Amino acid sequence: MKLKITTIGNSAGVILPKELMARLRLDKGDELYALETPDGIRLTVYDPTLAEQMDVAEGIMREDRQVLHKLAQ
């Protein structure tokens, strides 16, 4: 489904058609989560548990970059 970026105040946003909102079971005010994948960006219904886990993981990765770099080698 093709979406168009539009101006919303001083920001930019994407308008989600009613059909897409229904398929995602979303209502106005709900949150989406953007995940970067090898195939691009995936939008999914916001998951507070996943968000918390990602925040913890990102903090660990920032603190222990040298350890992660050694593991990747």
PDB file of N, CA and C in Angstrom:
ATOM      1  N   MET A   1       0.846  -1.171   0.000  1.00  0.00           N
ATOM      2  CA  MET A   1       0.000   0.000   0.000  1.00  0.00           C
ATOM      3  C   MET A   1       0.894   1.237   0.000  1.00  0.00           C
ATOM      4  N   LYS A   2       0.638   2.130  -0.899  1.00  0.00           N
ATOM      5  CA  LYS A   2       1.429   3.343  -1.027  1.00  0.00           C
ATOM      6  C   LYS A   2       0.882   4.408  -0.076  1.00  0.00           C
ATOM      7  N   LEU A   3       1.791   5.026   0.699  1.00  0.00           N
ATOM      8  CA  LEU A   3       1.415   6.072   1.636  1.00  0.00           C
ATOM      9  C   LEU A   3       2.135   7.356   1.259  1.00  0.00           C
ATOM     10  N   LYS A   4       1.522   8.474   1.546  1.00  0.00           N
ATOM     11  CA  LYS A   4       2.096   9.768   1.204  1.00  0.00           C
ATOM     12  C   LYS A   4       2.481  10.514   2.469  1.00  0.00           C
ATOM     13  N   ILE A   5       3.669  11.119   2.452  1.00  0.00           N
ATOM     14  CA  ILE A   5       4.124  11.950   3.565  1.00  0.00           C
ATOM     15  C   ILE A   5       3.536  13.339   3.373  1.00  0.00           C
ATOM     16  N   THR A   6       2.963  13.877   4.439  1.00  0.00           N
ATOM     17  CA  THR A   6       2.311  15.176   4.368  1.00  0.00           C
ATOM     18  C   THR A   6       2.771  16.056   5.523  1.00  0.00           C
ATOM     19  N   THR A   7       2.554  17.338   5.411  1.00  0.00           N
ATOM     20  CA  THR A   7       2.912  18.269   6.469  1.00  0.00           C
ATOM     21  C   THR A   7       1.820  18.258   7.537  1.00  0.00           C
ATOM     22  N   ILE A   8       2.267  18.169   8.792  1.00  0.00           N
ATOM     23  CA  ILE A   8       1.368  18.237   9.941  1.00  0.00           C
ATOM     24  C   ILE A   8       1.989  19.246  10.900  1.00  0.00           C
ATOM     25  N   GLY A   9       1.476  20.469  10.872  1.00  0.00           N
ATOM     26  CA  GLY A   9       2.085  21.535  11.669  1.00  0.00           C
ATOM     27  C   GLY A   9       3.491  21.797  11.174  1.00  0.00           C
ATOM     28  N   ASN A  10       4.469  21.768  12.089  1.00  0.00           N
ATOM     29  CA  ASN A  10       5.874  21.961  11.719  1.00  0.00           C
ATOM     30  C   ASN A  10       6.580  20.628  11.468  1.00  0.00           C
ATOM     31  N   SER A  11       5.822  19.550  11.456  1.00  0.00           N
ATOM     32  CA  SER A  11       6.391  18.212  11.291  1.00  0.00           C
ATOM     33  C   SER A  11       5.890  17.580  10.002  1.00  0.00           C
ATOM     34  N   ALA A  12       6.298  16.344   9.788  1.00  0.00           N
ATOM     35  CA  ALA A  12       5.811  15.565   8.651  1.00  0.00           C
ATOM     36  C   ALA A  12       5.182  14.300   9.201  1.00  0.00           C
ATOM     37  N   GLY A  13       4.201  13.785   8.509  1.00  0.00           N
ATOM     38  CA  GLY A  13       3.532  12.573   8.960  1.00  0.00           C
ATOM     39  C   GLY A  13       2.972  11.801   7.799  1.00  0.00           C
ATOM     40  N   VAL A  14       2.537  10.604   8.092  1.00  0.00           N
ATOM     41  CA  VAL A  14       1.940   9.726   7.103  1.00  0.00           C
ATOM     42  C   VAL A  14       0.482   9.532   7.489  1.00  0.00           C
ATOM     43  N   ILE A  15      -0.406   9.680   6.537  1.00  0.00           N
ATOM     44  CA  ILE A  15      -1.822   9.451   6.758  1.00  0.00           C
ATOM     45  C   ILE A  15      -2.102   7.972   6.490  1.00  0.00           C
ATOM     46  N   LEU A  16      -2.664   7.282   7.472  1.00  0.00           N
ATOM     47  CA  LEU A  16      -3.007   5.878   7.297  1.00  0.00           C
ATOM     48  C   LEU A  16      -4.465   5.768   6.871  1.00  0.00           C
ATOM     49  N   PRO A  17      -4.726   5.145   5.732  1.00  0.00           N
ATOM     50  CA  PRO A  17      -6.109   4.966   5.285  1.00  0.00           C
ATOM     51  C   PRO A  17      -6.900   4.115   6.280  1.00  0.00           C
ATOM     52  N   LYS A  18      -8.221   4.311   6.297  1.00  0.00           N
ATOM     53  CA  LYS A  18      -9.093   3.574   7.207  1.00  0.00           C
ATOM     54  C   LYS A  18      -8.914   2.067   7.061  1.00  0.00           C
ATOM     55  N   GLU A  19      -8.742   1.592   5.826  1.00  0.00           N
ATOM     56  CA  GLU A  19      -8.590   0.162   5.582  1.00  0.00           C
ATOM     57  C   GLU A  19      -7.351  -0.385   6.284  1.00  0.00           C
ATOM     58  N   LEU A  20      -6.255   0.359   6.212  1.00  0.00           N
ATOM     59  CA  LEU A  20      -5.021  -0.074   6.859  1.00  0.00           C
ATOM     60  C   LEU A  20      -5.162  -0.024   8.375  1.00  0.00           C
ATOM     61  N   MET A  21      -5.804   1.018   8.885  1.00  0.00           N
ATOM     62  CA  MET A  21      -6.040   1.129  10.322  1.00  0.00           C
ATOM     63  C   MET A  21      -6.848  -0.074  10.811  1.00  0.00           C
ATOM     64  N   ALA A  22      -7.847  -0.470  10.036  1.00  0.00           N
ATOM     65  CA  ALA A  22      -8.672  -1.612  10.417  1.00  0.00           C
ATOM     66  C   ALA A  22      -7.862  -2.902  10.412  1.00  0.00           C
ATOM     67  N   ARG A  23      -7.038  -3.089   9.389  1.00  0.00           N
ATOM     68  CA  ARG A  23      -6.223  -4.308   9.301  1.00  0.00           C
ATOM     69  C   ARG A  23      -5.231  -4.413  10.444  1.00  0.00           C
ATOM     70  N   LEU A  24      -4.699  -3.260  10.868  1.00  0.00           N
ATOM     71  CA  LEU A  24      -3.739  -3.238  11.976  1.00  0.00           C
ATOM     72  C   LEU A  24      -4.426  -3.163  13.333  1.00  0.00           C
ATOM     73  N   ARG A  25      -5.760  -3.047  13.309  1.00  0.00           N
ATOM     74  CA  ARG A  25      -6.566  -2.902  14.539  1.00  0.00           C
ATOM     75  C   ARG A  25      -6.099  -1.699  15.353  1.00  0.00           C
ATOM     76  N   LEU A  26      -5.954  -0.576  14.659  1.00  0.00           N
ATOM     77  CA  LEU A  26      -5.503   0.657  15.288  1.00  0.00           C
ATOM     78  C   LEU A  26      -6.639   1.661  15.392  1.00  0.00           C
ATOM     79  N   ASP A  27      -6.548   2.500  16.393  1.00  0.00           N
ATOM     80  CA  ASP A  27      -7.446   3.640  16.541  1.00  0.00           C
ATOM     81  C   ASP A  27      -6.595   4.893  16.665  1.00  0.00           C
ATOM     82  N   LYS A  28      -7.193   6.035  16.453  1.00  0.00           N
ATOM     83  CA  LYS A  28      -6.472   7.293  16.627  1.00  0.00           C
ATOM     84  C   LYS A  28      -5.897   7.333  18.033  1.00  0.00           C
ATOM     85  N   GLY A  29      -4.650   7.758  18.132  1.00  0.00           N
ATOM     86  CA  GLY A  29      -3.987   7.845  19.432  1.00  0.00           C
ATOM     87  C   GLY A  29      -3.144   6.621  19.767  1.00  0.00           C
ATOM     88  N   ASP A  30      -3.360   5.505  19.053  1.00  0.00           N
ATOM     89  CA  ASP A  30      -2.531   4.318  19.280  1.00  0.00           C
ATOM     90  C   ASP A  30      -1.111   4.595  18.799  1.00  0.00           C
ATOM     91  N   GLU A  31      -0.172   3.794  19.252  1.00  0.00           N
ATOM     92  CA  GLU A  31       1.227   3.969  18.869  1.00  0.00           C
ATOM     93  C   GLU A  31       1.684   2.814  17.983  1.00  0.00           C
ATOM     94  N   LEU A  32       2.607   3.124  17.086  1.00  0.00           N
ATOM     95  CA  LEU A  32       3.246   2.128  16.232  1.00  0.00           C
ATOM     96  C   LEU A  32       4.716   2.060  16.603  1.00  0.00           C
ATOM     97  N   TYR A  33       5.326   0.932  16.328  1.00  0.00           N
ATOM     98  CA  TYR A  33       6.745   0.748  16.590  1.00  0.00           C
ATOM     99  C   TYR A  33       7.446   0.539  15.253  1.00  0.00           C
ATOM    100  N   ALA A  34       8.501   1.293  14.994  1.00  0.00           N
ATOM    101  CA  ALA A  34       9.270   1.163  13.760  1.00  0.00           C
ATOM    102  C   ALA A  34      10.503   0.311  14.049  1.00  0.00           C
ATOM    103  N   LEU A  35      10.612  -0.812  13.361  1.00  0.00           N
ATOM    104  CA  LEU A  35      11.743  -1.723  13.527  1.00  0.00           C
ATOM    105  C   LEU A  35      12.568  -1.728  12.251  1.00  0.00           C
ATOM    106  N   GLU A  36      13.872  -1.546  12.391  1.00  0.00           N
ATOM    107  CA  GLU A  36      14.751  -1.621  11.228  1.00  0.00           C
ATOM    108  C   GLU A  36      15.100  -3.085  11.003  1.00  0.00           C
ATOM    109  N   THR A  37      14.829  -3.574   9.801  1.00  0.00           N
ATOM    110  CA  THR A  37      15.105  -4.961   9.446  1.00  0.00           C
ATOM    111  C   THR A  37      16.035  -4.980   8.238  1.00  0.00           C
ATOM    112  N   PRO A  38      16.607  -6.112   7.902  1.00  0.00           N
ATOM    113  CA  PRO A  38      17.446  -6.185   6.701  1.00  0.00           C
ATOM    114  C   PRO A  38      16.687  -5.808   5.429  1.00  0.00           C
ATOM    115  N   ASP A  39      15.367  -5.972   5.437  1.00  0.00           N
ATOM    116  CA  ASP A  39      14.556  -5.662   4.263  1.00  0.00           C
ATOM    117  C   ASP A  39      14.016  -4.238   4.255  1.00  0.00           C
ATOM    118  N   GLY A  40      14.271  -3.467   5.288  1.00  0.00           N
ATOM    119  CA  GLY A  40      13.765  -2.101   5.365  1.00  0.00           C
ATOM    120  C   GLY A  40      13.170  -1.830   6.735  1.00  0.00           C
ATOM    121  N   ILE A  41      12.239  -0.918   6.799  1.00  0.00           N
ATOM    122  CA  ILE A  41      11.592  -0.553   8.054  1.00  0.00           C
ATOM    123  C   ILE A  41      10.249  -1.264   8.153  1.00  0.00           C
ATOM    124  N   ARG A  42       9.993  -1.854   9.293  1.00  0.00           N
ATOM    125  CA  ARG A  42       8.723  -2.538   9.542  1.00  0.00           C
ATOM    126  C   ARG A  42       7.954  -1.766  10.602  1.00  0.00           C
ATOM    127  N   LEU A  43       6.724  -1.398  10.285  1.00  0.00           N
ATOM    128  CA  LEU A  43       5.849  -0.747  11.249  1.00  0.00           C
ATOM    129  C   LEU A  43       4.975  -1.803  11.887  1.00  0.00           C
ATOM    130  N   THR A  44       4.911  -1.783  13.195  1.00  0.00           N
ATOM    131  CA  THR A  44       4.108  -2.757  13.909  1.00  0.00           C
ATOM    132  C   THR A  44       3.386  -2.063  15.053  1.00  0.00           C
ATOM    133  N   VAL A  45       2.337  -2.679  15.544  1.00  0.00           N
ATOM    134  CA  VAL A  45       1.618  -2.119  16.671  1.00  0.00           C
ATOM    135  C   VAL A  45       2.583  -2.018  17.844  1.00  0.00           C
ATOM    136  N   TYR A  46       2.565  -0.919  18.520  1.00  0.00           N
ATOM    137  CA  TYR A  46       3.479  -0.655  19.624  1.00  0.00           C
ATOM    138  C   TYR A  46       3.378  -1.730  20.695  1.00  0.00           C
ATOM    139  N   ASP A  47       4.525  -2.212  21.122  1.00  0.00           N
ATOM    140  CA  ASP A  47       4.601  -3.232  22.161  1.00  0.00           C
ATOM    141  C   ASP A  47       5.476  -2.700  23.289  1.00  0.00           C
ATOM    142  N   PRO A  48       4.880  -2.254  24.410  1.00  0.00           N
ATOM    143  CA  PRO A  48       5.658  -1.668  25.504  1.00  0.00           C
ATOM    144  C   PRO A  48       6.741  -2.600  26.041  1.00  0.00           C
ATOM    145  N   THR A  49       6.475  -3.904  26.081  1.00  0.00           N
ATOM    146  CA  THR A  49       7.474  -4.847  26.578  1.00  0.00           C
ATOM    147  C   THR A  49       8.682  -4.881  25.658  1.00  0.00           C
ATOM    148  N   LEU A  50       8.429  -4.959  24.351  1.00  0.00           N
ATOM    149  CA  LEU A  50       9.515  -4.956  23.386  1.00  0.00           C
ATOM    150  C   LEU A  50      10.281  -3.642  23.455  1.00  0.00           C
ATOM    151  N   ALA A  51       9.583  -2.538  23.581  1.00  0.00           N
ATOM    152  CA  ALA A  51      10.241  -1.229  23.656  1.00  0.00           C
ATOM    153  C   ALA A  51      11.169  -1.160  24.860  1.00  0.00           C
ATOM    154  N   GLU A  52      10.713  -1.665  25.991  1.00  0.00           N
ATOM    155  CA  GLU A  52      11.548  -1.658  27.191  1.00  0.00           C
ATOM    156  C   GLU A  52      12.785  -2.535  26.996  1.00  0.00           C
ATOM    157  N   GLN A  53      12.597  -3.707  26.401  1.00  0.00           N
ATOM    158  CA  GLN A  53      13.716  -4.606  26.137  1.00  0.00           C
ATOM    159  C   GLN A  53      14.717  -3.970  25.175  1.00  0.00           C
ATOM    160  N   MET A  54      14.208  -3.276  24.152  1.00  0.00           N
ATOM    161  CA  MET A  54      15.095  -2.615  23.195  1.00  0.00           C
ATOM    162  C   MET A  54      15.876  -1.480  23.860  1.00  0.00           C
ATOM    163  N   ASP A  55      15.240  -0.729  24.752  1.00  0.00           N
ATOM    164  CA  ASP A  55      15.931   0.339  25.475  1.00  0.00           C
ATOM    165  C   ASP A  55      17.075  -0.225  26.312  1.00  0.00           C
ATOM    166  N   VAL A  56      16.821  -1.333  27.003  1.00  0.00           N
ATOM    167  CA  VAL A  56      17.858  -1.979  27.811  1.00  0.00           C
ATOM    168  C   VAL A  56      18.988  -2.469  26.907  1.00  0.00           C
ATOM    169  N   ALA A  57      18.632  -3.125  25.807  1.00  0.00           N
ATOM    170  CA  ALA A  57      19.644  -3.653  24.883  1.00  0.00           C
ATOM    171  C   ALA A  57      20.491  -2.527  24.301  1.00  0.00           C
ATOM    172  N   GLU A  58      19.865  -1.421  23.904  1.00  0.00           N
ATOM    173  CA  GLU A  58      20.620  -0.300  23.342  1.00  0.00           C
ATOM    174  C   GLU A  58      21.555   0.304  24.379  1.00  0.00           C
ATOM    175  N   GLY A  59      21.116   0.385  25.626  1.00  0.00           N
ATOM    176  CA  GLY A  59      21.981   0.889  26.692  1.00  0.00           C
ATOM    177  C   GLY A  59      23.188  -0.001  26.889  1.00  0.00           C
ATOM    178  N   ILE A  60      22.989  -1.309  26.894  1.00  0.00           N
ATOM    179  CA  ILE A  60      24.094  -2.259  27.046  1.00  0.00           C
ATOM    180  C   ILE A  60      25.047  -2.144  25.868  1.00  0.00           C
ATOM    181  N   MET A  61      24.495  -2.038  24.662  1.00  0.00           N
ATOM    182  CA  MET A  61      25.351  -1.934  23.473  1.00  0.00           C
ATOM    183  C   MET A  61      26.195  -0.669  23.506  1.00  0.00           C
ATOM    184  N   ARG A  62      25.613   0.437  23.992  1.00  0.00           N
ATOM    185  CA  ARG A  62      26.380   1.680  24.092  1.00  0.00           C
ATOM    186  C   ARG A  62      27.504   1.544  25.115  1.00  0.00           C
ATOM    187  N   GLU A  63      27.212   0.920  26.252  1.00  0.00           N
ATOM    188  CA  GLU A  63      28.197   0.792  27.326  1.00  0.00           C
ATOM    189  C   GLU A  63      29.292  -0.210  26.994  1.00  0.00           C
ATOM    190  N   ASP A  64      28.954  -1.275  26.294  1.00  0.00           N
ATOM    191  CA  ASP A  64      29.893  -2.375  26.068  1.00  0.00           C
ATOM    192  C   ASP A  64      30.227  -2.567  24.593  1.00  0.00           C
ATOM    193  N   ARG A  65      30.453  -1.479  23.882  1.00  0.00           N
ATOM    194  CA  ARG A  65      30.756  -1.586  22.448  1.00  0.00           C
ATOM    195  C   ARG A  65      31.973  -2.441  22.169  1.00  0.00           C
ATOM    196  N   GLN A  66      33.006  -2.305  22.997  1.00  0.00           N
ATOM    197  CA  GLN A  66      34.237  -3.061  22.762  1.00  0.00           C
ATOM    198  C   GLN A  66      33.980  -4.559  22.892  1.00  0.00           C
ATOM    199  N   VAL A  67      33.171  -4.967  23.865  1.00  0.00           N
ATOM    200  CA  VAL A  67      32.853  -6.381  24.044  1.00  0.00           C
ATOM    201  C   VAL A  67      32.086  -6.897  22.835  1.00  0.00           C
ATOM    202  N   LEU A  68      31.094  -6.144  22.385  1.00  0.00           N
ATOM    203  CA  LEU A  68      30.305  -6.558  21.221  1.00  0.00           C
ATOM    204  C   LEU A  68      31.178  -6.649  19.971  1.00  0.00           C
ATOM    205  N   HIS A  69      32.107  -5.708  19.829  1.00  0.00           N
ATOM    206  CA  HIS A  69      32.995  -5.723  18.665  1.00  0.00           C
ATOM    207  C   HIS A  69      33.856  -6.986  18.678  1.00  0.00           C
ATOM    208  N   LYS A  70      34.356  -7.365  19.856  1.00  0.00           N
ATOM    209  CA  LYS A  70      35.181  -8.570  19.954  1.00  0.00           C
ATOM    210  C   LYS A  70      34.350  -9.810  19.650  1.00  0.00           C
ATOM    211  N   LEU A  71      33.095  -9.851  20.103  1.00  0.00           N
ATOM    212  CA  LEU A  71      32.234 -10.997  19.833  1.00  0.00           C
ATOM    213  C   LEU A  71      31.940 -11.140  18.346  1.00  0.00           C
ATOM    214  N   ALA A  72      31.876 -10.032  17.643  1.00  0.00           N
ATOM    215  CA  ALA A  72      31.553 -10.060  16.212  1.00  0.00           C
ATOM    216  C   ALA A  72      32.723 -10.562  15.373  1.00  0.00           C
ATOM    217  N   GLN A  73      33.912 -10.513  15.930  1.00  0.00           N
ATOM    218  CA  GLN A  73      35.087 -10.919  15.153  1.00  0.00           C
ATOM    219  C   GLN A  73      35.277 -12.398  15.101  1.00  0.00           C
TER     220      GLN A  73
END
